Amino acid sequence: MKIKTLLVFAISIFFASNASAQDVPETKATNYDQSFRLGFGLNGGVPTNNDTYNWSLGADARIQYDLTKRTSLTFTTGFTNLFKYKDATDLTNTKDLGFIPLKAGFKAFVWEDQFYILGEIGGGIAVTNGHKQDTYLWAPGIGYANKNFDLSLRYEAYTEYDTNQISLRVAYGFEL
């Protein structure tokens, strides 16, 4: 037992004597100013179930709180309309569906502080054409942003509507 303890002690001394601190160049510590950003966007989409709706159009406002230089919390609302194209051969009784999305999300820049991934969850409140069914929704996406311009592509899934959609968002944003 004493030999094992002595051996462990000797090995510890050997490694401790070979340890050395690395030379670290002096750097000036900088703090990141956390801030809010506000963006206004236009959305155009293609529903994934073309038997019900043919296209979508919407506008939104997104407030973003920067936690760090590369991560942010978001809250998005606006109006989205899913359009049913009507022609003489359309025998369905489906009406357009307009709803107000309310989404909270997390945005993380993953490449060069310009390309990001975004995940949002929330709900949609139906407001047009007699639709009374609200829905839960979730929306993963990818995008590119610089100081004022934001371009993103997302998949938006609904639990209670007859379709989901793939949507492109073009937005202008600024720091508050």
C-alpha atoms as a PDB file:
ATOM      1  CA  MET A   1       0.000   0.000   0.000  1.00  0.00           C
ATOM      2  CA  LYS A   2       2.824   2.398   0.886  1.00  0.00           C
ATOM      3  CA  ILE A   3       4.592   1.550  -2.362  1.00  0.00           C
ATOM      4  CA  LYS A   4       1.485   2.404  -4.446  1.00  0.00           C
ATOM      5  CA  THR A   5       1.042   5.700  -2.607  1.00  0.00           C
ATOM      6  CA  LEU A   6       4.704   6.541  -3.106  1.00  0.00           C
ATOM      7  CA  LEU A   7       4.498   5.656  -6.802  1.00  0.00           C
ATOM      8  CA  VAL A   8       1.411   7.864  -7.340  1.00  0.00           C
ATOM      9  CA  PHE A   9       3.127  10.695  -5.469  1.00  0.00           C
ATOM     10  CA  ALA A  10       6.309  10.359  -7.577  1.00  0.00           C
ATOM     11  CA  ILE A  11       4.351  10.354 -10.851  1.00  0.00           C
ATOM     12  CA  SER A  12       2.384  13.424  -9.697  1.00  0.00           C
ATOM     13  CA  ILE A  13       5.595  15.293  -8.909  1.00  0.00           C
ATOM     14  CA  PHE A  14       7.031  14.348 -12.308  1.00  0.00           C
ATOM     15  CA  PHE A  15       4.019  15.699 -14.225  1.00  0.00           C
ATOM     16  CA  ALA A  16       3.744  18.777 -12.014  1.00  0.00           C
ATOM     17  CA  SER A  17       7.373  19.697 -12.602  1.00  0.00           C
ATOM     18  CA  ASN A  18       6.941  19.435 -16.393  1.00  0.00           C
ATOM     19  CA  ALA A  19       3.834  21.644 -16.487  1.00  0.00           C
ATOM     20  CA  SER A  20       4.395  25.179 -17.661  1.00  0.00           C
ATOM     21  CA  ALA A  21       2.190  28.121 -18.413  1.00  0.00           C
ATOM     22  CA  GLN A  22       1.640  29.098 -22.022  1.00  0.00           C
ATOM     23  CA  ASP A  23       2.653  32.517 -23.197  1.00  0.00           C
ATOM     24  CA  VAL A  24      -0.547  34.392 -23.951  1.00  0.00           C
ATOM     25  CA  PRO A  25      -0.272  37.650 -25.840  1.00  0.00           C
ATOM     26  CA  GLU A  26      -1.876  40.558 -24.101  1.00  0.00           C
ATOM     27  CA  THR A  27      -5.250  41.371 -25.529  1.00  0.00           C
ATOM     28  CA  LYS A  28      -7.579  44.146 -24.701  1.00  0.00           C
ATOM     29  CA  ALA A  29     -10.785  42.791 -23.197  1.00  0.00           C
ATOM     30  CA  THR A  30     -13.821  44.030 -25.041  1.00  0.00           C
ATOM     31  CA  ASN A  31     -17.387  43.742 -23.929  1.00  0.00           C
ATOM     32  CA  TYR A  32     -20.157  43.093 -26.412  1.00  0.00           C
ATOM     33  CA  ASP A  33     -22.949  45.618 -26.136  1.00  0.00           C
ATOM     34  CA  GLN A  34     -26.176  43.666 -25.980  1.00  0.00           C
ATOM     35  CA  SER A  35     -28.846  45.434 -27.973  1.00  0.00           C
ATOM     36  CA  PHE A  36     -32.232  45.197 -29.628  1.00  0.00           C
ATOM     37  CA  ARG A  37     -32.796  45.092 -33.385  1.00  0.00           C
ATOM     38  CA  LEU A  38     -36.059  45.588 -35.245  1.00  0.00           C
ATOM     39  CA  GLY A  39     -36.758  44.216 -38.708  1.00  0.00           C
ATOM     40  CA  PHE A  40     -39.653  44.441 -41.155  1.00  0.00           C
ATOM     41  CA  GLY A  41     -40.021  41.709 -43.737  1.00  0.00           C
ATOM     42  CA  LEU A  42     -42.045  40.469 -46.688  1.00  0.00           C
ATOM     43  CA  ASN A  43     -42.684  36.728 -47.019  1.00  0.00           C
ATOM     44  CA  GLY A  44     -43.638  34.683 -50.043  1.00  0.00           C
ATOM     45  CA  GLY A  45     -44.203  30.971 -49.858  1.00  0.00           C
ATOM     46  CA  VAL A  46     -45.240  27.764 -51.495  1.00  0.00           C
ATOM     47  CA  PRO A  47     -47.548  25.498 -49.480  1.00  0.00           C
ATOM     48  CA  THR A  48     -46.431  21.876 -49.354  1.00  0.00           C
ATOM     49  CA  ASN A  49     -49.957  20.502 -49.899  1.00  0.00           C
ATOM     50  CA  ASN A  50     -51.001  22.050 -53.209  1.00  0.00           C
ATOM     51  CA  ASP A  51     -54.467  20.473 -53.059  1.00  0.00           C
ATOM     52  CA  THR A  52     -55.570  23.073 -50.501  1.00  0.00           C
ATOM     53  CA  TYR A  53     -53.575  26.290 -51.001  1.00  0.00           C
ATOM     54  CA  ASN A  54     -51.420  27.397 -53.920  1.00  0.00           C
ATOM     55  CA  TRP A  55     -49.244  30.197 -52.538  1.00  0.00           C
ATOM     56  CA  SER A  56     -48.778  32.489 -49.558  1.00  0.00           C
ATOM     57  CA  LEU A  57     -47.880  36.100 -48.965  1.00  0.00           C
ATOM     58  CA  GLY A  58     -47.237  37.925 -45.731  1.00  0.00           C
ATOM     59  CA  ALA A  59     -45.521  40.718 -43.862  1.00  0.00           C
ATOM     60  CA  ASP A  60     -43.925  40.625 -40.446  1.00  0.00           C
ATOM     61  CA  ALA A  61     -42.116  42.547 -37.765  1.00  0.00           C
ATOM     62  CA  ARG A  62     -39.320  40.882 -35.782  1.00  0.00           C
ATOM     63  CA  ILE A  63     -37.715  42.167 -32.621  1.00  0.00           C
ATOM     64  CA  GLN A  64     -34.359  40.610 -31.834  1.00  0.00           C
ATOM     65  CA  TYR A  65     -32.359  40.776 -28.620  1.00  0.00           C
ATOM     66  CA  ASP A  66     -28.674  40.003 -29.105  1.00  0.00           C
ATOM     67  CA  LEU A  67     -27.411  37.804 -26.266  1.00  0.00           C
ATOM     68  CA  THR A  68     -23.899  37.682 -27.739  1.00  0.00           C
ATOM     69  CA  LYS A  69     -22.359  38.678 -31.035  1.00  0.00           C
ATOM     70  CA  ARG A  70     -23.476  35.316 -32.504  1.00  0.00           C
ATOM     71  CA  THR A  71     -26.733  34.440 -30.669  1.00  0.00           C
ATOM     72  CA  SER A  72     -30.075  36.197 -30.340  1.00  0.00           C
ATOM     73  CA  LEU A  73     -33.596  35.725 -29.070  1.00  0.00           C
ATOM     74  CA  THR A  74     -36.388  36.702 -31.469  1.00  0.00           C
ATOM     75  CA  PHE A  75     -40.100  37.459 -31.374  1.00  0.00           C
ATOM     76  CA  THR A  76     -41.961  37.650 -34.692  1.00  0.00           C
ATOM     77  CA  THR A  77     -45.528  38.648 -35.537  1.00  0.00           C
ATOM     78  CA  GLY A  78     -47.331  39.920 -38.623  1.00  0.00           C
ATOM     79  CA  PHE A  79     -49.901  38.606 -41.072  1.00  0.00           C
ATOM     80  CA  THR A  80     -49.759  35.663 -43.489  1.00  0.00           C
ATOM     81  CA  ASN A  81     -52.366  34.741 -46.078  1.00  0.00           C
ATOM     82  CA  LEU A  82     -52.571  31.302 -47.697  1.00  0.00           C
ATOM     83  CA  PHE A  83     -54.265  31.757 -51.093  1.00  0.00           C
ATOM     84  CA  LYS A  84     -56.486  29.284 -52.877  1.00  0.00           C
ATOM     85  CA  TYR A  85     -56.347  29.865 -56.623  1.00  0.00           C
ATOM     86  CA  LYS A  86     -59.851  29.680 -58.003  1.00  0.00           C
ATOM     87  CA  ASP A  87     -60.691  28.697 -61.530  1.00  0.00           C
ATOM     88  CA  ALA A  88     -63.661  27.243 -63.370  1.00  0.00           C
ATOM     89  CA  THR A  89     -62.571  23.644 -62.699  1.00  0.00           C
ATOM     90  CA  ASP A  90     -62.041  24.157 -58.962  1.00  0.00           C
ATOM     91  CA  LEU A  91     -64.921  22.364 -57.276  1.00  0.00           C
ATOM     92  CA  THR A  92     -63.604  22.618 -53.698  1.00  0.00           C
ATOM     93  CA  ASN A  93     -65.107  25.032 -51.252  1.00  0.00           C
ATOM     94  CA  THR A  94     -61.798  26.049 -49.665  1.00  0.00           C
ATOM     95  CA  LYS A  95     -61.395  29.731 -48.861  1.00  0.00           C
ATOM     96  CA  ASP A  96     -58.193  31.722 -48.393  1.00  0.00           C
ATOM     97  CA  LEU A  97     -56.779  31.531 -44.877  1.00  0.00           C
ATOM     98  CA  GLY A  98     -55.314  34.603 -43.222  1.00  0.00           C
ATOM     99  CA  PHE A  99     -53.662  34.318 -39.823  1.00  0.00           C
ATOM    100  CA  ILE A 100     -51.467  36.214 -37.391  1.00  0.00           C
ATOM    101  CA  PRO A 101     -48.335  34.261 -36.430  1.00  0.00           C
ATOM    102  CA  LEU A 102     -46.876  34.792 -32.955  1.00  0.00           C
ATOM    103  CA  LYS A 103     -43.451  33.139 -32.753  1.00  0.00           C
ATOM    104  CA  ALA A 104     -40.547  33.129 -30.295  1.00  0.00           C
ATOM    105  CA  GLY A 105     -37.192  31.899 -31.501  1.00  0.00           C
ATOM    106  CA  PHE A 106     -33.456  31.480 -31.179  1.00  0.00           C
ATOM    107  CA  LYS A 107     -31.016  32.660 -33.861  1.00  0.00           C
ATOM    108  CA  ALA A 108     -27.380  31.527 -34.023  1.00  0.00           C
ATOM    109  CA  PHE A 109     -24.786  32.775 -36.491  1.00  0.00           C
ATOM    110  CA  VAL A 110     -22.716  29.814 -37.595  1.00  0.00           C
ATOM    111  CA  TRP A 111     -20.432  31.142 -40.313  1.00  0.00           C
ATOM    112  CA  GLU A 112     -18.634  34.499 -40.632  1.00  0.00           C
ATOM    113  CA  ASP A 113     -21.197  36.297 -38.453  1.00  0.00           C
ATOM    114  CA  GLN A 114     -23.492  36.536 -41.474  1.00  0.00           C
ATOM    115  CA  PHE A 115     -24.997  33.088 -42.088  1.00  0.00           C
ATOM    116  CA  TYR A 116     -27.382  31.849 -39.423  1.00  0.00           C
ATOM    117  CA  ILE A 117     -29.799  29.148 -38.389  1.00  0.00           C
ATOM    118  CA  LEU A 118     -33.087  30.015 -36.726  1.00  0.00           C
ATOM    119  CA  GLY A 119     -35.701  28.009 -34.881  1.00  0.00           C
ATOM    120  CA  GLU A 120     -39.102  29.443 -33.942  1.00  0.00           C
ATOM    121  CA  ILE A 121     -42.160  28.059 -32.166  1.00  0.00           C
ATOM    122  CA  GLY A 122     -45.507  29.661 -31.456  1.00  0.00           C
ATOM    123  CA  GLY A 123     -49.037  29.869 -32.715  1.00  0.00           C
ATOM    124  CA  GLY A 124     -51.184  31.165 -35.528  1.00  0.00           C
ATOM    125  CA  ILE A 125     -54.468  32.978 -34.917  1.00  0.00           C
ATOM    126  CA  ALA A 126     -56.931  32.597 -37.829  1.00  0.00           C
ATOM    127  CA  VAL A 127     -58.573  35.941 -38.664  1.00  0.00           C
ATOM    128  CA  THR A 128     -60.146  35.808 -42.153  1.00  0.00           C
ATOM    129  CA  ASN A 129     -62.917  34.163 -44.193  1.00  0.00           C
ATOM    130  CA  GLY A 130     -64.697  32.560 -41.281  1.00  0.00           C
ATOM    131  CA  HIS A 131     -61.749  30.364 -40.266  1.00  0.00           C
ATOM    132  CA  LYS A 132     -61.903  29.877 -36.519  1.00  0.00           C
ATOM    133  CA  GLN A 133     -59.177  27.242 -36.114  1.00  0.00           C
ATOM    134  CA  ASP A 134     -56.010  28.500 -34.461  1.00  0.00           C
ATOM    135  CA  THR A 135     -52.827  26.429 -34.747  1.00  0.00           C
ATOM    136  CA  TYR A 136     -49.513  25.699 -33.139  1.00  0.00           C
ATOM    137  CA  LEU A 137     -46.570  26.208 -35.445  1.00  0.00           C
ATOM    138  CA  TRP A 138     -42.853  25.616 -35.590  1.00  0.00           C
ATOM    139  CA  ALA A 139     -40.408  26.970 -38.142  1.00  0.00           C
ATOM    140  CA  PRO A 140     -36.743  26.044 -38.647  1.00  0.00           C
ATOM    141  CA  GLY A 141     -34.803  28.181 -41.105  1.00  0.00           C
ATOM    142  CA  ILE A 142     -31.493  29.346 -42.504  1.00  0.00           C
ATOM    143  CA  GLY A 143     -30.493  32.825 -43.550  1.00  0.00           C
ATOM    144  CA  TYR A 144     -28.000  35.533 -44.380  1.00  0.00           C
ATOM    145  CA  ALA A 145     -27.893  38.886 -42.612  1.00  0.00           C
ATOM    146  CA  ASN A 146     -25.661  41.934 -42.596  1.00  0.00           C
ATOM    147  CA  LYS A 147     -26.063  45.274 -40.838  1.00  0.00           C
ATOM    148  CA  ASN A 148     -29.453  46.076 -42.418  1.00  0.00           C
ATOM    149  CA  PHE A 149     -30.444  43.320 -44.856  1.00  0.00           C
ATOM    150  CA  ASP A 150     -31.845  39.877 -43.935  1.00  0.00           C
ATOM    151  CA  LEU A 151     -32.695  37.072 -46.365  1.00  0.00           C
ATOM    152  CA  SER A 152     -33.956  33.747 -45.011  1.00  0.00           C
ATOM    153  CA  LEU A 153     -35.606  30.522 -46.095  1.00  0.00           C
ATOM    154  CA  ARG A 154     -37.770  28.567 -43.655  1.00  0.00           C
ATOM    155  CA  TYR A 155     -40.089  25.621 -43.406  1.00  0.00           C
ATOM    156  CA  GLU A 156     -43.226  26.483 -41.428  1.00  0.00           C
ATOM    157  CA  ALA A 157     -45.323  23.610 -40.075  1.00  0.00           C
ATOM    158  CA  TYR A 158     -48.866  23.962 -38.718  1.00  0.00           C
ATOM    159  CA  THR A 159     -50.680  21.467 -36.500  1.00  0.00           C
ATOM    160  CA  GLU A 160     -54.254  22.418 -37.434  1.00  0.00           C
ATOM    161  CA  TYR A 161     -54.159  23.694 -41.025  1.00  0.00           C
ATOM    162  CA  ASP A 162     -54.376  21.547 -44.162  1.00  0.00           C
ATOM    163  CA  THR A 163     -50.863  22.457 -45.297  1.00  0.00           C
ATOM    164  CA  ASN A 164     -47.376  23.597 -44.297  1.00  0.00           C
ATOM    165  CA  GLN A 165     -45.195  25.943 -46.314  1.00  0.00           C
ATOM    166  CA  ILE A 166     -41.707  26.783 -47.478  1.00  0.00           C
ATOM    167  CA  SER A 167     -41.259  30.547 -47.304  1.00  0.00           C
ATOM    168  CA  LEU A 168     -38.689  33.140 -48.348  1.00  0.00           C
ATOM    169  CA  ARG A 169     -38.326  36.271 -46.176  1.00  0.00           C
ATOM    170  CA  VAL A 170     -36.692  39.513 -47.337  1.00  0.00           C
ATOM    171  CA  ALA A 171     -36.305  42.072 -44.549  1.00  0.00           C
ATOM    172  CA  TYR A 172     -34.789  45.390 -43.602  1.00  0.00           C
ATOM    173  CA  GLY A 173     -33.570  45.754 -40.018  1.00  0.00           C
ATOM    174  CA  PHE A 174     -31.812  48.248 -37.781  1.00  0.00           C
ATOM    175  CA  GLU A 175     -30.469  48.547 -34.264  1.00  0.00           C
ATOM    176  CA  LEU A 176     -32.673  50.298 -31.715  1.00  0.00           C
END
